[in-house]
């Protein structure tokens, strides 16, 4: 069963930002898909199991951004 969670990321301004965030989140175990909307900061993650917000926060920070 897949899970979908949406997070808000601050500081993204372009496609490169979205790619960086997407790549880092994609490295979390179980992540199947990441969709980023730069204009709103919405990051929707589809995964096999619910993700720990701390893992997502760490991935976003590794990309140079912050969870709202």
N, C-alpha and C. Protein backbone atom coordinates (compact mmCIF):
# COMPACT_ATOMS: atom_id res chain seq x y z
N UNK A 1 0.85 -1.19 0.00
CA UNK A 1 0.00 0.00 0.00
C UNK A 1 0.89 1.25 0.00
N UNK A 2 0.62 2.15 -0.91
CA UNK A 2 1.44 3.36 -0.97
C UNK A 2 0.85 4.46 -0.11
N UNK A 3 1.72 5.34 0.32
CA UNK A 3 1.37 6.49 1.14
C UNK A 3 1.73 7.75 0.36
N UNK A 4 0.91 8.78 0.51
CA UNK A 4 1.24 10.07 -0.09
C UNK A 4 1.22 11.12 1.01
N UNK A 5 2.31 11.86 1.09
CA UNK A 5 2.42 12.94 2.07
C UNK A 5 2.87 14.20 1.35
N UNK A 6 2.37 15.34 1.80
CA UNK A 6 2.77 16.61 1.21
C UNK A 6 3.44 17.47 2.27
N UNK A 7 4.58 18.02 1.91
CA UNK A 7 5.36 18.89 2.78
C UNK A 7 5.51 20.23 2.10
N UNK A 8 5.78 21.28 2.87
CA UNK A 8 6.04 22.59 2.30
C UNK A 8 7.50 22.95 2.54
N UNK A 9 8.19 23.29 1.46
CA UNK A 9 9.61 23.63 1.52
C UNK A 9 9.76 25.10 1.18
N UNK A 10 10.52 25.81 1.99
CA UNK A 10 10.74 27.24 1.75
C UNK A 10 12.08 27.46 1.07
N UNK A 11 12.16 28.51 0.28
CA UNK A 11 13.40 28.94 -0.34
C UNK A 11 13.62 28.48 -1.77
N UNK A 12 12.74 27.65 -2.30
CA UNK A 12 12.91 27.20 -3.69
C UNK A 12 12.42 28.30 -4.63
N UNK A 13 13.23 28.57 -5.67
CA UNK A 13 12.86 29.63 -6.61
C UNK A 13 12.91 29.20 -8.08
N UNK A 14 13.43 27.97 -8.34
CA UNK A 14 13.60 27.59 -9.75
C UNK A 14 13.58 26.08 -9.91
N UNK A 15 13.69 25.65 -11.14
CA UNK A 15 13.70 24.23 -11.44
C UNK A 15 14.90 23.51 -10.84
N UNK A 16 16.04 24.19 -10.79
CA UNK A 16 17.22 23.57 -10.17
C UNK A 16 16.96 23.30 -8.69
N UNK A 17 16.29 24.22 -8.02
CA UNK A 17 15.93 24.04 -6.61
C UNK A 17 15.07 22.78 -6.46
N UNK A 18 14.06 22.67 -7.31
CA UNK A 18 13.15 21.54 -7.26
C UNK A 18 13.88 20.23 -7.50
N UNK A 19 14.81 20.23 -8.44
CA UNK A 19 15.59 19.03 -8.74
C UNK A 19 16.44 18.63 -7.55
N UNK A 20 17.08 19.59 -6.91
CA UNK A 20 17.92 19.30 -5.75
C UNK A 20 17.12 18.66 -4.62
N UNK A 21 15.97 19.26 -4.33
CA UNK A 21 15.11 18.74 -3.26
C UNK A 21 14.60 17.34 -3.63
N UNK A 22 14.15 17.19 -4.86
CA UNK A 22 13.62 15.91 -5.32
C UNK A 22 14.68 14.81 -5.23
N UNK A 23 15.90 15.11 -5.65
CA UNK A 23 16.97 14.11 -5.63
C UNK A 23 17.28 13.67 -4.20
N UNK A 24 17.35 14.62 -3.27
CA UNK A 24 17.67 14.27 -1.88
C UNK A 24 16.56 13.44 -1.25
N UNK A 25 15.31 13.83 -1.46
CA UNK A 25 14.19 13.09 -0.87
C UNK A 25 14.10 11.70 -1.50
N UNK A 26 14.41 11.58 -2.78
CA UNK A 26 14.34 10.30 -3.47
C UNK A 26 15.30 9.26 -2.88
N UNK A 27 16.33 9.73 -2.17
CA UNK A 27 17.30 8.82 -1.58
C UNK A 27 16.79 8.17 -0.29
N UNK A 28 15.68 8.65 0.27
CA UNK A 28 15.12 8.06 1.48
C UNK A 28 14.53 6.70 1.12
N UNK A 29 14.83 5.70 1.94
CA UNK A 29 14.32 4.34 1.69
C UNK A 29 12.80 4.34 1.56
N UNK A 30 12.31 3.67 0.54
CA UNK A 30 10.87 3.50 0.35
C UNK A 30 10.22 4.55 -0.52
N UNK A 31 10.93 5.65 -0.83
CA UNK A 31 10.33 6.71 -1.66
C UNK A 31 10.20 6.21 -3.09
N UNK A 32 9.00 6.38 -3.65
CA UNK A 32 8.73 5.92 -5.00
C UNK A 32 8.62 7.07 -6.00
N UNK A 33 8.16 8.24 -5.52
CA UNK A 33 7.97 9.38 -6.42
C UNK A 33 8.01 10.66 -5.61
N UNK A 34 8.54 11.72 -6.22
CA UNK A 34 8.56 13.04 -5.60
C UNK A 34 8.09 14.05 -6.64
N UNK A 35 7.07 14.84 -6.28
CA UNK A 35 6.57 15.89 -7.18
C UNK A 35 6.71 17.22 -6.47
N UNK A 36 7.36 18.19 -7.14
CA UNK A 36 7.64 19.49 -6.54
C UNK A 36 6.95 20.59 -7.34
N UNK A 37 6.27 21.50 -6.63
CA UNK A 37 5.68 22.69 -7.24
C UNK A 37 6.43 23.88 -6.66
N UNK A 38 7.34 24.44 -7.45
CA UNK A 38 8.21 25.52 -6.98
C UNK A 38 7.40 26.72 -6.50
N UNK A 39 6.36 27.08 -7.24
CA UNK A 39 5.59 28.30 -6.93
C UNK A 39 4.97 28.26 -5.54
N UNK A 40 4.54 27.10 -5.08
CA UNK A 40 3.89 27.00 -3.77
C UNK A 40 4.79 26.37 -2.71
N UNK A 41 5.88 25.75 -3.15
CA UNK A 41 6.76 25.05 -2.21
C UNK A 41 6.25 23.68 -1.83
N UNK A 42 5.16 23.22 -2.47
CA UNK A 42 4.59 21.92 -2.13
C UNK A 42 5.45 20.79 -2.70
N UNK A 43 5.75 19.84 -1.82
CA UNK A 43 6.51 18.66 -2.22
C UNK A 43 5.67 17.45 -1.83
N UNK A 44 5.18 16.73 -2.82
CA UNK A 44 4.34 15.56 -2.57
C UNK A 44 5.18 14.32 -2.79
N UNK A 45 5.22 13.49 -1.75
CA UNK A 45 6.07 12.30 -1.77
C UNK A 45 5.20 11.05 -1.69
N UNK A 46 5.40 10.14 -2.62
CA UNK A 46 4.73 8.84 -2.60
C UNK A 46 5.76 7.82 -2.15
N UNK A 47 5.37 7.02 -1.15
CA UNK A 47 6.31 6.05 -0.59
C UNK A 47 5.59 4.76 -0.22
N UNK A 48 6.38 3.73 0.01
CA UNK A 48 5.82 2.44 0.38
C UNK A 48 5.19 2.49 1.77
N UNK A 49 5.81 3.24 2.68
CA UNK A 49 5.33 3.39 4.06
C UNK A 49 5.38 4.87 4.43
N UNK A 50 4.66 5.27 5.48
CA UNK A 50 4.74 6.67 5.91
C UNK A 50 6.19 7.05 6.22
N UNK A 51 6.57 8.25 5.83
CA UNK A 51 7.93 8.72 6.07
C UNK A 51 8.02 9.43 7.41
N UNK A 52 9.16 9.32 8.03
CA UNK A 52 9.45 10.06 9.26
C UNK A 52 9.78 11.49 8.83
N UNK A 53 9.08 12.46 9.41
CA UNK A 53 9.31 13.85 9.03
C UNK A 53 10.77 14.26 9.25
N UNK A 54 11.42 13.69 10.26
CA UNK A 54 12.83 14.02 10.52
C UNK A 54 13.71 13.61 9.34
N UNK A 55 13.39 12.50 8.70
CA UNK A 55 14.16 12.07 7.54
C UNK A 55 13.96 13.02 6.36
N UNK A 56 12.72 13.44 6.18
CA UNK A 56 12.41 14.39 5.09
C UNK A 56 13.10 15.72 5.38
N UNK A 57 13.01 16.19 6.62
CA UNK A 57 13.64 17.45 7.00
C UNK A 57 15.15 17.39 6.73
N UNK A 58 15.79 16.30 7.10
CA UNK A 58 17.23 16.15 6.88
C UNK A 58 17.57 16.18 5.40
N UNK A 59 16.76 15.52 4.58
CA UNK A 59 17.00 15.50 3.14
C UNK A 59 16.84 16.89 2.53
N UNK A 60 15.80 17.60 2.96
CA UNK A 60 15.55 18.96 2.46
C UNK A 60 16.70 19.88 2.87
N UNK A 61 17.15 19.75 4.10
CA UNK A 61 18.25 20.60 4.58
C UNK A 61 19.55 20.27 3.85
N UNK A 62 19.75 18.99 3.52
CA UNK A 62 20.94 18.59 2.75
C UNK A 62 20.93 19.27 1.38
N UNK A 63 19.73 19.49 0.83
CA UNK A 63 19.60 20.16 -0.46
C UNK A 63 19.76 21.68 -0.32
N UNK A 64 19.77 22.17 0.92
CA UNK A 64 19.97 23.61 1.15
C UNK A 64 18.69 24.40 1.40
N UNK A 65 17.61 23.71 1.76
CA UNK A 65 16.32 24.37 1.97
C UNK A 65 15.75 23.98 3.33
N UNK A 66 14.57 24.47 3.66
CA UNK A 66 13.95 24.22 4.96
C UNK A 66 12.52 23.74 4.78
N UNK A 67 12.09 22.84 5.66
CA UNK A 67 10.66 22.52 5.73
C UNK A 67 9.98 23.66 6.45
N UNK A 68 8.79 24.04 5.99
CA UNK A 68 8.05 25.12 6.63
C UNK A 68 7.43 24.61 7.93
